[in-house]
């Protein structure tokens, strides 16, 4: 179960022209850089004001709850056979991790009488946490395929695409946990 181990938010280094999910080496480099910047970010984050987004777009769960659900989604995706469903389930896990960032870093904007146009969670993620913009772009590109797979359209994604997205979602959840100062402790089998 996830637990709150640090209050600092961590910014991952940017990788230019990301067309695929970041590699393990890029993830490791981001985590090392994040460790170095953690102390500086803690002090800056206490002073910095959280970005605002419309209240109806904020998640109604805590970041820890959302990351727990994301982890459960990753396990479910790993055990799902049909490629389209595996792809969709992994994409939803990444979406829940993005929602965890929104829950942690955003605050509700003053209420307006008129709701703004529909905005994707990936667009909000870029607004609230610009260091995740490449991840947001990567997962936003897969939203259409996810919707098609959920609709039951056959052969929307290949086995490789589903496996690649699952691996990317797993990496993204780890990076989000690190950025939010949360750790994941898997349950041990009895």
N, C-alpha and C. Protein backbone atom coordinates (compact mmCIF):
# COMPACT_ATOMS: atom_id res chain seq x y z
N UNK A 1 0.84 -1.17 0.00
CA UNK A 1 0.00 0.00 0.00
C UNK A 1 0.88 1.24 0.00
N UNK A 2 0.48 2.29 -0.65
CA UNK A 2 1.27 3.49 -0.74
C UNK A 2 1.22 4.25 0.57
N UNK A 3 2.33 4.91 0.91
CA UNK A 3 2.35 5.74 2.10
C UNK A 3 3.08 7.02 1.78
N UNK A 4 2.76 8.06 2.47
CA UNK A 4 3.36 9.36 2.24
C UNK A 4 4.69 9.41 2.95
N UNK A 5 5.80 9.46 2.20
CA UNK A 5 7.12 9.45 2.81
C UNK A 5 7.84 10.78 2.70
N UNK A 6 7.41 11.69 1.87
CA UNK A 6 8.07 12.97 1.73
C UNK A 6 7.05 13.98 1.24
N UNK A 7 7.28 15.23 1.63
CA UNK A 7 6.33 16.25 1.19
C UNK A 7 6.80 16.99 -0.04
N UNK A 8 8.01 16.74 -0.52
CA UNK A 8 8.53 17.45 -1.68
C UNK A 8 8.01 16.90 -2.99
N UNK A 9 7.81 17.79 -3.94
CA UNK A 9 7.41 17.38 -5.27
C UNK A 9 8.65 17.43 -6.14
N UNK A 10 8.80 16.48 -7.02
CA UNK A 10 10.03 16.31 -7.77
C UNK A 10 9.77 16.54 -9.24
N UNK A 11 10.68 17.27 -9.86
CA UNK A 11 10.54 17.55 -11.29
C UNK A 11 11.49 16.65 -12.06
N UNK A 12 10.95 15.92 -13.02
CA UNK A 12 11.75 15.03 -13.84
C UNK A 12 12.38 15.81 -15.00
N UNK A 13 13.60 15.47 -15.40
CA UNK A 13 14.21 16.15 -16.54
C UNK A 13 13.46 15.85 -17.83
N UNK A 14 13.49 16.79 -18.74
CA UNK A 14 12.78 16.65 -20.01
C UNK A 14 13.63 15.85 -21.00
N UNK A 15 12.95 15.08 -21.83
CA UNK A 15 13.60 14.34 -22.91
C UNK A 15 13.05 14.88 -24.21
N UNK A 16 13.88 15.51 -25.05
CA UNK A 16 13.36 16.12 -26.28
C UNK A 16 12.84 15.10 -27.27
N UNK A 17 11.81 15.50 -28.02
CA UNK A 17 11.26 14.71 -29.13
C UNK A 17 10.90 13.29 -28.72
N UNK A 18 10.18 13.15 -27.63
CA UNK A 18 9.78 11.82 -27.16
C UNK A 18 8.67 11.28 -28.04
N UNK A 19 8.95 10.20 -28.75
CA UNK A 19 7.92 9.57 -29.59
C UNK A 19 7.52 8.23 -29.02
N UNK A 20 8.30 7.70 -28.10
CA UNK A 20 8.00 6.44 -27.44
C UNK A 20 8.07 6.68 -25.95
N UNK A 21 7.66 5.72 -25.20
CA UNK A 21 7.76 5.82 -23.75
C UNK A 21 9.23 5.94 -23.36
N UNK A 22 9.52 6.66 -22.29
CA UNK A 22 10.92 6.80 -21.86
C UNK A 22 11.53 5.43 -21.57
N UNK A 23 12.85 5.33 -21.78
CA UNK A 23 13.55 4.09 -21.52
C UNK A 23 13.84 3.95 -20.03
N UNK A 24 14.26 2.78 -19.63
CA UNK A 24 14.60 2.54 -18.22
C UNK A 24 15.75 3.45 -17.81
N UNK A 25 16.70 3.68 -18.70
CA UNK A 25 17.82 4.56 -18.38
C UNK A 25 17.34 6.00 -18.15
N UNK A 26 16.39 6.44 -18.97
CA UNK A 26 15.85 7.79 -18.79
C UNK A 26 15.09 7.89 -17.47
N UNK A 27 14.36 6.85 -17.11
CA UNK A 27 13.63 6.83 -15.85
C UNK A 27 14.62 6.89 -14.69
N UNK A 28 15.68 6.08 -14.75
CA UNK A 28 16.69 6.06 -13.69
C UNK A 28 17.35 7.42 -13.57
N UNK A 29 17.68 8.04 -14.69
CA UNK A 29 18.29 9.37 -14.67
C UNK A 29 17.35 10.40 -14.07
N UNK A 30 16.06 10.28 -14.38
CA UNK A 30 15.08 11.19 -13.82
C UNK A 30 14.97 11.03 -12.31
N UNK A 31 15.02 9.80 -11.83
CA UNK A 31 14.92 9.57 -10.40
C UNK A 31 16.17 10.07 -9.66
N UNK A 32 17.34 9.91 -10.25
CA UNK A 32 18.57 10.42 -9.64
C UNK A 32 18.52 11.94 -9.58
N UNK A 33 18.10 12.56 -10.69
CA UNK A 33 17.99 14.02 -10.71
C UNK A 33 16.94 14.50 -9.71
N UNK A 34 15.87 13.73 -9.59
CA UNK A 34 14.80 14.09 -8.65
C UNK A 34 15.31 14.07 -7.22
N UNK A 35 16.14 13.09 -6.89
CA UNK A 35 16.70 13.02 -5.54
C UNK A 35 17.56 14.25 -5.23
N UNK A 36 18.31 14.69 -6.22
CA UNK A 36 19.18 15.86 -6.03
C UNK A 36 18.37 17.14 -5.82
N UNK A 37 17.23 17.22 -6.53
CA UNK A 37 16.43 18.46 -6.47
C UNK A 37 15.40 18.47 -5.36
N UNK A 38 15.22 17.37 -4.66
CA UNK A 38 14.15 17.25 -3.68
C UNK A 38 14.22 18.32 -2.59
N UNK A 39 15.39 18.54 -2.03
CA UNK A 39 15.52 19.52 -0.94
C UNK A 39 15.19 20.93 -1.42
N UNK A 40 15.69 21.30 -2.60
CA UNK A 40 15.39 22.63 -3.15
C UNK A 40 13.91 22.80 -3.46
N UNK A 41 13.31 21.74 -4.00
CA UNK A 41 11.90 21.81 -4.37
C UNK A 41 10.99 21.91 -3.15
N UNK A 42 11.37 21.26 -2.03
CA UNK A 42 10.54 21.31 -0.83
C UNK A 42 10.37 22.75 -0.36
N UNK A 43 11.46 23.46 -0.32
CA UNK A 43 11.39 24.85 0.12
C UNK A 43 10.60 25.70 -0.87
N UNK A 44 10.83 25.50 -2.15
CA UNK A 44 10.13 26.28 -3.17
C UNK A 44 8.64 25.95 -3.19
N UNK A 45 8.29 24.69 -2.99
CA UNK A 45 6.89 24.29 -3.04
C UNK A 45 6.08 24.85 -1.88
N UNK A 46 6.72 25.07 -0.74
CA UNK A 46 5.99 25.66 0.38
C UNK A 46 5.55 27.08 0.06
N UNK A 47 6.37 27.77 -0.72
CA UNK A 47 6.09 29.16 -1.06
C UNK A 47 5.20 29.25 -2.29
N UNK A 48 5.42 28.38 -3.26
CA UNK A 48 4.69 28.45 -4.53
C UNK A 48 3.21 28.15 -4.33
N UNK A 49 2.39 28.82 -5.11
CA UNK A 49 0.94 28.60 -5.07
C UNK A 49 0.56 27.53 -6.07
N UNK A 50 -0.37 26.66 -5.68
CA UNK A 50 -0.82 25.60 -6.56
C UNK A 50 -1.63 26.19 -7.70
N UNK A 51 -1.49 25.64 -8.94
CA UNK A 51 -2.33 26.09 -10.05
C UNK A 51 -3.79 25.75 -9.78
N UNK A 52 -4.68 26.51 -10.38
CA UNK A 52 -6.11 26.25 -10.20
C UNK A 52 -6.71 25.63 -11.45
N UNK A 53 -7.66 24.74 -11.23
CA UNK A 53 -8.46 24.19 -12.32
C UNK A 53 -9.90 24.16 -11.83
N UNK A 54 -10.87 24.16 -12.74
CA UNK A 54 -12.27 24.13 -12.31
C UNK A 54 -12.54 22.97 -11.35
N UNK A 55 -13.29 23.25 -10.29
CA UNK A 55 -13.52 22.27 -9.23
C UNK A 55 -14.14 20.98 -9.77
N UNK A 56 -15.01 21.07 -10.76
CA UNK A 56 -15.65 19.85 -11.27
C UNK A 56 -14.67 18.95 -12.01
N UNK A 57 -13.48 19.43 -12.31
CA UNK A 57 -12.48 18.62 -13.00
C UNK A 57 -11.48 17.98 -12.04
N UNK A 58 -11.55 18.33 -10.77
CA UNK A 58 -10.64 17.74 -9.79
C UNK A 58 -11.11 16.35 -9.38
N UNK A 59 -10.16 15.44 -9.14
CA UNK A 59 -10.54 14.11 -8.68
C UNK A 59 -11.17 14.19 -7.28
N UNK A 60 -12.01 13.23 -6.98
CA UNK A 60 -12.67 13.19 -5.67
C UNK A 60 -12.02 12.18 -4.75
N UNK A 61 -10.81 11.78 -5.05
CA UNK A 61 -10.05 10.83 -4.23
C UNK A 61 -8.69 11.42 -3.93
N UNK A 62 -8.03 10.86 -2.95
CA UNK A 62 -6.69 11.33 -2.59
C UNK A 62 -5.67 10.77 -3.59
N UNK A 63 -4.50 11.40 -3.68
CA UNK A 63 -3.46 10.86 -4.56
C UNK A 63 -3.10 9.42 -4.22
N UNK A 64 -3.05 9.09 -2.95
CA UNK A 64 -2.72 7.73 -2.54
C UNK A 64 -3.78 6.75 -3.03
N UNK A 65 -5.04 7.10 -2.89
CA UNK A 65 -6.11 6.23 -3.37
C UNK A 65 -6.02 6.04 -4.88
N UNK A 66 -5.79 7.12 -5.60
CA UNK A 66 -5.71 7.04 -7.06
C UNK A 66 -4.53 6.19 -7.52
N UNK A 67 -3.40 6.32 -6.84
CA UNK A 67 -2.24 5.51 -7.21
C UNK A 67 -2.45 4.03 -6.86
N UNK A 68 -3.17 3.77 -5.79
CA UNK A 68 -3.50 2.39 -5.45
C UNK A 68 -4.39 1.78 -6.53
N UNK A 69 -5.37 2.54 -6.98
CA UNK A 69 -6.27 2.07 -8.05
C UNK A 69 -5.48 1.90 -9.36
N UNK A 70 -4.54 2.81 -9.61
CA UNK A 70 -3.70 2.70 -10.81
C UNK A 70 -2.87 1.41 -10.76
N UNK A 71 -2.30 1.12 -9.61
CA UNK A 71 -1.52 -0.11 -9.45
C UNK A 71 -2.40 -1.34 -9.68
N UNK A 72 -3.62 -1.33 -9.15
CA UNK A 72 -4.54 -2.44 -9.37
C UNK A 72 -4.87 -2.59 -10.86
N UNK A 73 -5.01 -1.46 -11.54
CA UNK A 73 -5.27 -1.48 -12.98
C UNK A 73 -4.11 -2.08 -13.75
N UNK A 74 -2.88 -1.80 -13.32
CA UNK A 74 -1.71 -2.37 -13.98
C UNK A 74 -1.68 -3.89 -13.82
N UNK A 75 -2.02 -4.36 -12.63
CA UNK A 75 -2.07 -5.81 -12.39
C UNK A 75 -3.15 -6.43 -13.27
N UNK A 76 -4.31 -5.79 -13.31
CA UNK A 76 -5.40 -6.29 -14.15
C UNK A 76 -4.99 -6.32 -15.63
N UNK A 77 -4.35 -5.25 -16.09
CA UNK A 77 -3.92 -5.19 -17.49
C UNK A 77 -2.91 -6.30 -17.80
N UNK A 78 -2.01 -6.56 -16.88
CA UNK A 78 -1.00 -7.59 -17.10
C UNK A 78 -1.62 -8.98 -17.24
N UNK A 79 -2.79 -9.18 -16.64
CA UNK A 79 -3.46 -10.49 -16.71
C UNK A 79 -4.57 -10.54 -17.76
N UNK A 80 -4.72 -9.49 -18.53
CA UNK A 80 -5.78 -9.43 -19.54
C UNK A 80 -5.23 -9.94 -20.87
N UNK A 81 -5.92 -10.88 -21.48
CA UNK A 81 -5.47 -11.48 -22.73
C UNK A 81 -5.78 -10.64 -23.97
N UNK A 82 -7.02 -10.23 -24.21
CA UNK A 82 -7.28 -9.49 -25.45
C UNK A 82 -6.45 -8.20 -25.50
N UNK A 83 -5.77 -7.99 -26.61
CA UNK A 83 -4.86 -6.85 -26.74
C UNK A 83 -5.55 -5.51 -26.51
N UNK A 84 -6.72 -5.33 -27.08
CA UNK A 84 -7.44 -4.07 -26.93
C UNK A 84 -7.81 -3.78 -25.49
N UNK A 85 -8.26 -4.78 -24.79
CA UNK A 85 -8.62 -4.59 -23.37
C UNK A 85 -7.39 -4.35 -22.51
N UNK A 86 -6.28 -5.03 -22.82
CA UNK A 86 -5.03 -4.80 -22.09
C UNK A 86 -4.56 -3.37 -22.30
N UNK A 87 -4.65 -2.91 -23.53
CA UNK A 87 -4.26 -1.53 -23.87
C UNK A 87 -5.14 -0.53 -23.10
N UNK A 88 -6.45 -0.75 -23.16
CA UNK A 88 -7.39 0.17 -22.50
C UNK A 88 -7.20 0.18 -21.00
N UNK A 89 -6.99 -0.97 -20.40
CA UNK A 89 -6.82 -1.05 -18.96
C UNK A 89 -5.52 -0.38 -18.52
N UNK A 90 -4.45 -0.58 -19.26
CA UNK A 90 -3.18 0.07 -18.95
C UNK A 90 -3.30 1.59 -19.11
N UNK A 91 -4.00 2.02 -20.14
CA UNK A 91 -4.18 3.46 -20.37
C UNK A 91 -4.97 4.08 -19.22
N UNK A 92 -5.99 3.39 -18.75
CA UNK A 92 -6.78 3.89 -17.62
C UNK A 92 -5.94 3.96 -16.34
N UNK A 93 -5.02 3.03 -16.17
CA UNK A 93 -4.12 3.08 -15.01
C UNK A 93 -3.25 4.33 -15.07
N UNK A 94 -2.74 4.64 -16.26
CA UNK A 94 -1.95 5.86 -16.43
C UNK A 94 -2.80 7.10 -16.18
N UNK A 95 -4.03 7.06 -16.62
CA UNK A 95 -4.96 8.17 -16.41
C UNK A 95 -5.18 8.40 -14.91
N UNK A 96 -5.30 7.33 -14.15
CA UNK A 96 -5.48 7.47 -12.70
C UNK A 96 -4.24 8.03 -12.04
N UNK A 97 -3.06 7.68 -12.55
CA UNK A 97 -1.83 8.27 -12.02
C UNK A 97 -1.78 9.77 -12.33
N UNK A 98 -2.23 10.15 -13.51
CA UNK A 98 -2.30 11.58 -13.85
C UNK A 98 -3.28 12.29 -12.91
N UNK A 99 -4.39 11.64 -12.61
CA UNK A 99 -5.37 12.22 -11.69
C UNK A 99 -4.76 12.40 -10.30
N UNK A 100 -3.86 11.51 -9.90
CA UNK A 100 -3.20 11.65 -8.61
C UNK A 100 -2.36 12.92 -8.57
N UNK A 101 -1.69 13.23 -9.67
CA UNK A 101 -0.91 14.47 -9.74
C UNK A 101 -1.86 15.67 -9.63
N UNK A 102 -2.98 15.62 -10.35
CA UNK A 102 -3.95 16.71 -10.28
C UNK A 102 -4.48 16.88 -8.85
N UNK A 103 -4.77 15.77 -8.20
CA UNK A 103 -5.29 15.84 -6.84
C UNK A 103 -4.26 16.43 -5.88
N UNK A 104 -2.99 16.15 -6.11
CA UNK A 104 -1.93 16.63 -5.22
C UNK A 104 -1.53 18.07 -5.49
N UNK A 105 -1.52 18.47 -6.75
CA UNK A 105 -0.92 19.76 -7.09
C UNK A 105 -1.89 20.87 -7.46
N UNK A 106 -3.12 20.54 -7.75
CA UNK A 106 -4.06 21.58 -8.18
C UNK A 106 -5.01 21.94 -7.04
N UNK A 107 -5.56 23.11 -7.13
CA UNK A 107 -6.60 23.50 -6.19
C UNK A 107 -7.78 24.01 -7.01
N UNK A 108 -8.98 23.94 -6.43
CA UNK A 108 -10.15 24.36 -7.21
C UNK A 108 -10.14 25.86 -7.49
N UNK A 109 -10.53 26.19 -8.70
CA UNK A 109 -10.66 27.60 -9.08
C UNK A 109 -11.96 28.14 -8.50
N UNK A 110 -12.06 29.44 -8.43
CA UNK A 110 -13.30 30.06 -7.96
C UNK A 110 -14.44 29.61 -8.85
N UNK A 111 -15.60 29.31 -8.27
CA UNK A 111 -16.72 28.81 -9.09
C UNK A 111 -17.18 29.86 -10.11
N UNK A 112 -17.51 29.36 -11.29
CA UNK A 112 -18.04 30.22 -12.35
C UNK A 112 -19.46 29.76 -12.65
N UNK A 113 -20.23 30.62 -13.21
CA UNK A 113 -21.59 30.23 -13.54
C UNK A 113 -21.62 29.31 -14.76
N UNK A 114 -20.63 29.42 -15.61
CA UNK A 114 -20.58 28.62 -16.82
C UNK A 114 -19.39 27.67 -16.78
N UNK A 115 -19.62 26.42 -17.08
CA UNK A 115 -18.53 25.46 -17.11
C UNK A 115 -17.71 25.64 -18.38
N UNK A 116 -16.41 25.41 -18.23
CA UNK A 116 -15.55 25.53 -19.41
C UNK A 116 -15.72 24.30 -20.30
N UNK A 117 -15.16 24.40 -21.49
CA UNK A 117 -15.27 23.29 -22.43
C UNK A 117 -14.59 22.05 -21.86
N UNK A 118 -14.90 20.92 -22.46
CA UNK A 118 -14.33 19.65 -22.01
C UNK A 118 -12.81 19.70 -22.21
N UNK A 119 -12.10 19.31 -21.19
CA UNK A 119 -10.65 19.31 -21.23
C UNK A 119 -10.17 17.93 -20.80
N UNK A 120 -9.20 17.40 -21.48
CA UNK A 120 -8.69 16.08 -21.12
C UNK A 120 -7.81 16.18 -19.88
N UNK A 121 -7.71 15.08 -19.18
CA UNK A 121 -6.84 15.03 -18.00
C UNK A 121 -5.39 15.28 -18.40
N UNK A 122 -5.05 14.88 -19.63
CA UNK A 122 -3.67 15.07 -20.09
C UNK A 122 -3.37 16.55 -20.29
N UNK A 123 -4.34 17.32 -20.78
CA UNK A 123 -4.15 18.77 -20.92
C UNK A 123 -4.03 19.43 -19.55
N UNK A 124 -4.84 18.98 -18.60
CA UNK A 124 -4.77 19.53 -17.25
C UNK A 124 -3.44 19.17 -16.59
N UNK A 125 -2.94 17.97 -16.86
CA UNK A 125 -1.66 17.56 -16.29
C UNK A 125 -0.54 18.49 -16.74
N UNK A 126 -0.54 18.85 -18.01
CA UNK A 126 0.49 19.77 -18.54
C UNK A 126 0.37 21.13 -17.86
N UNK A 127 -0.85 21.58 -17.61
CA UNK A 127 -1.08 22.86 -16.94
C UNK A 127 -0.58 22.84 -15.50
N UNK A 128 -0.87 21.76 -14.79
CA UNK A 128 -0.56 21.66 -13.37
C UNK A 128 0.88 21.20 -13.12
N UNK A 129 1.39 20.32 -13.96
CA UNK A 129 2.74 19.76 -13.78
C UNK A 129 3.45 19.70 -15.13
N UNK A 130 3.99 20.81 -15.59
CA UNK A 130 4.60 20.86 -16.93
C UNK A 130 5.73 19.85 -17.14
N UNK A 131 6.35 19.39 -16.05
CA UNK A 131 7.43 18.41 -16.22
C UNK A 131 6.92 17.07 -16.74
N UNK A 132 5.60 16.86 -16.71
CA UNK A 132 5.00 15.64 -17.23
C UNK A 132 4.44 15.83 -18.64
N UNK A 133 4.80 16.90 -19.31
CA UNK A 133 4.20 17.20 -20.62
C UNK A 133 4.49 16.13 -21.66
N UNK A 134 5.66 15.54 -21.64
CA UNK A 134 5.97 14.51 -22.63
C UNK A 134 5.19 13.22 -22.35
N UNK A 135 5.05 12.88 -21.08
CA UNK A 135 4.21 11.74 -20.73
C UNK A 135 2.77 12.01 -21.15
N UNK A 136 2.29 13.21 -20.87
CA UNK A 136 0.91 13.57 -21.22
C UNK A 136 0.69 13.46 -22.73
N UNK A 137 1.66 13.95 -23.50
CA UNK A 137 1.56 13.85 -24.95
C UNK A 137 1.52 12.41 -25.43
N UNK A 138 2.36 11.58 -24.83
CA UNK A 138 2.41 10.17 -25.21
C UNK A 138 1.07 9.48 -24.94
N UNK A 139 0.52 9.67 -23.74
CA UNK A 139 -0.73 9.01 -23.40
C UNK A 139 -1.93 9.65 -24.10
N UNK A 140 -1.87 10.95 -24.37
CA UNK A 140 -2.98 11.59 -25.09
C UNK A 140 -3.11 11.02 -26.50
N UNK A 141 -1.99 10.68 -27.11
CA UNK A 141 -2.03 10.09 -28.45
C UNK A 141 -2.73 8.74 -28.45
N UNK A 142 -2.71 8.03 -27.32
CA UNK A 142 -3.34 6.72 -27.25
C UNK A 142 -4.79 6.75 -26.81
N UNK A 143 -5.33 7.93 -26.50
CA UNK A 143 -6.71 8.01 -25.99
C UNK A 143 -7.73 7.54 -27.02
N UNK A 144 -7.52 7.85 -28.28
CA UNK A 144 -8.45 7.42 -29.33
C UNK A 144 -8.46 5.91 -29.49
N UNK A 145 -7.27 5.30 -29.44
CA UNK A 145 -7.20 3.84 -29.52
C UNK A 145 -7.85 3.20 -28.30
N UNK A 146 -7.65 3.82 -27.14
CA UNK A 146 -8.28 3.27 -25.94
C UNK A 146 -9.79 3.28 -26.08
N UNK A 147 -10.35 4.39 -26.55
CA UNK A 147 -11.80 4.50 -26.72
C UNK A 147 -12.31 3.46 -27.72
N UNK A 148 -11.57 3.28 -28.80
CA UNK A 148 -11.98 2.29 -29.81
C UNK A 148 -11.92 0.88 -29.24
N UNK A 149 -10.88 0.59 -28.47
CA UNK A 149 -10.75 -0.73 -27.86
C UNK A 149 -11.87 -0.98 -26.85
N UNK A 150 -12.21 0.04 -26.07
CA UNK A 150 -13.29 -0.08 -25.10
C UNK A 150 -14.63 -0.28 -25.79
N UNK A 151 -14.76 0.27 -26.99
CA UNK A 151 -16.00 0.12 -27.75
C UNK A 151 -16.11 -1.26 -28.39
N UNK A 152 -15.05 -2.04 -28.29
CA UNK A 152 -15.09 -3.40 -28.82
C UNK A 152 -14.69 -3.54 -30.27
N UNK A 153 -14.10 -2.51 -30.83
CA UNK A 153 -13.66 -2.59 -32.22
C UNK A 153 -12.45 -3.54 -32.29
N UNK A 154 -12.55 -4.60 -33.09
CA UNK A 154 -11.46 -5.60 -33.12
C UNK A 154 -10.20 -5.06 -33.81
N UNK A 155 -9.08 -5.60 -33.37
CA UNK A 155 -7.76 -5.31 -33.96
C UNK A 155 -7.41 -3.83 -34.03
N UNK A 156 -7.83 -3.07 -33.03
CA UNK A 156 -7.48 -1.65 -32.98
C UNK A 156 -6.01 -1.49 -32.62
N UNK A 157 -5.54 -2.37 -31.74
CA UNK A 157 -4.13 -2.32 -31.34
C UNK A 157 -3.52 -3.72 -31.49
N UNK A 158 -2.24 -3.73 -31.73
CA UNK A 158 -1.52 -5.00 -31.83
C UNK A 158 -1.08 -5.44 -30.43
N UNK A 159 -0.63 -6.65 -30.35
CA UNK A 159 -0.12 -7.18 -29.09
C UNK A 159 1.07 -6.35 -28.61
N UNK A 160 1.92 -5.98 -29.53
CA UNK A 160 3.10 -5.18 -29.17
C UNK A 160 2.70 -3.80 -28.65
N UNK A 161 1.72 -3.17 -29.32
CA UNK A 161 1.27 -1.85 -28.84
C UNK A 161 0.69 -1.95 -27.43
N UNK A 162 -0.07 -3.00 -27.17
CA UNK A 162 -0.64 -3.19 -25.84
C UNK A 162 0.46 -3.42 -24.81
N UNK A 163 1.44 -4.24 -25.14
CA UNK A 163 2.55 -4.49 -24.22
C UNK A 163 3.38 -3.24 -23.98
N UNK A 164 3.63 -2.48 -25.06
CA UNK A 164 4.40 -1.23 -24.93
C UNK A 164 3.68 -0.23 -24.04
N UNK A 165 2.36 -0.10 -24.24
CA UNK A 165 1.61 0.85 -23.42
C UNK A 165 1.58 0.39 -21.96
N UNK A 166 1.46 -0.88 -21.73
CA UNK A 166 1.47 -1.40 -20.36
C UNK A 166 2.80 -1.06 -19.68
N UNK A 167 3.92 -1.28 -20.37
CA UNK A 167 5.22 -0.95 -19.80
C UNK A 167 5.34 0.55 -19.54
N UNK A 168 4.87 1.36 -20.48
CA UNK A 168 4.92 2.81 -20.30
C UNK A 168 4.07 3.25 -19.11
N UNK A 169 2.90 2.65 -18.97
CA UNK A 169 2.02 2.99 -17.85
C UNK A 169 2.68 2.62 -16.53
N UNK A 170 3.34 1.46 -16.49
CA UNK A 170 4.05 1.05 -15.27
C UNK A 170 5.14 2.06 -14.93
N UNK A 171 5.91 2.49 -15.92
CA UNK A 171 6.97 3.48 -15.69
C UNK A 171 6.38 4.81 -15.24
N UNK A 172 5.28 5.22 -15.86
CA UNK A 172 4.64 6.48 -15.52
C UNK A 172 4.15 6.48 -14.06
N UNK A 173 3.55 5.39 -13.64
CA UNK A 173 3.07 5.29 -12.26
C UNK A 173 4.24 5.42 -11.29
N UNK A 174 5.37 4.78 -11.59
CA UNK A 174 6.56 4.87 -10.73
C UNK A 174 7.06 6.32 -10.67
N UNK A 175 7.11 6.99 -11.80
CA UNK A 175 7.57 8.38 -11.84
C UNK A 175 6.62 9.28 -11.05
N UNK A 176 5.32 9.07 -11.18
CA UNK A 176 4.34 9.87 -10.44
C UNK A 176 4.50 9.62 -8.94
N UNK A 177 4.63 8.37 -8.55
CA UNK A 177 4.83 8.06 -7.12
C UNK A 177 6.06 8.79 -6.58
N UNK A 178 7.13 8.76 -7.35
CA UNK A 178 8.35 9.43 -6.94
C UNK A 178 8.15 10.95 -6.85
N UNK A 179 7.49 11.50 -7.84
CA UNK A 179 7.25 12.95 -7.86
C UNK A 179 6.38 13.41 -6.70
N UNK A 180 5.46 12.56 -6.27
CA UNK A 180 4.56 12.93 -5.18
C UNK A 180 5.11 12.50 -3.81
N UNK A 181 6.28 11.88 -3.81
CA UNK A 181 6.88 11.46 -2.55
C UNK A 181 6.16 10.28 -1.93
N UNK A 182 5.55 9.45 -2.74
CA UNK A 182 4.84 8.27 -2.26
C UNK A 182 5.62 7.04 -2.69
N UNK A 183 5.57 6.01 -1.89
CA UNK A 183 6.24 4.76 -2.25
C UNK A 183 5.23 3.65 -2.36
N UNK A 184 5.54 2.71 -3.19
CA UNK A 184 4.66 1.55 -3.37
C UNK A 184 5.31 0.35 -2.71
N UNK A 185 4.54 -0.32 -1.87
CA UNK A 185 5.03 -1.55 -1.24
C UNK A 185 4.08 -2.67 -1.64
N UNK A 186 4.56 -3.57 -2.50
CA UNK A 186 3.67 -4.66 -2.93
C UNK A 186 3.31 -5.57 -1.76
N UNK A 187 2.14 -6.16 -1.84
CA UNK A 187 1.70 -7.11 -0.81
C UNK A 187 2.47 -8.40 -1.00
N UNK A 188 2.94 -8.95 0.06
CA UNK A 188 3.67 -10.22 -0.02
C UNK A 188 2.69 -11.37 0.04
N UNK A 189 2.92 -12.36 -0.78
CA UNK A 189 2.07 -13.54 -0.79
C UNK A 189 2.36 -14.38 0.46
N UNK A 190 1.31 -14.94 1.02
CA UNK A 190 1.48 -15.74 2.26
C UNK A 190 2.02 -17.11 1.98
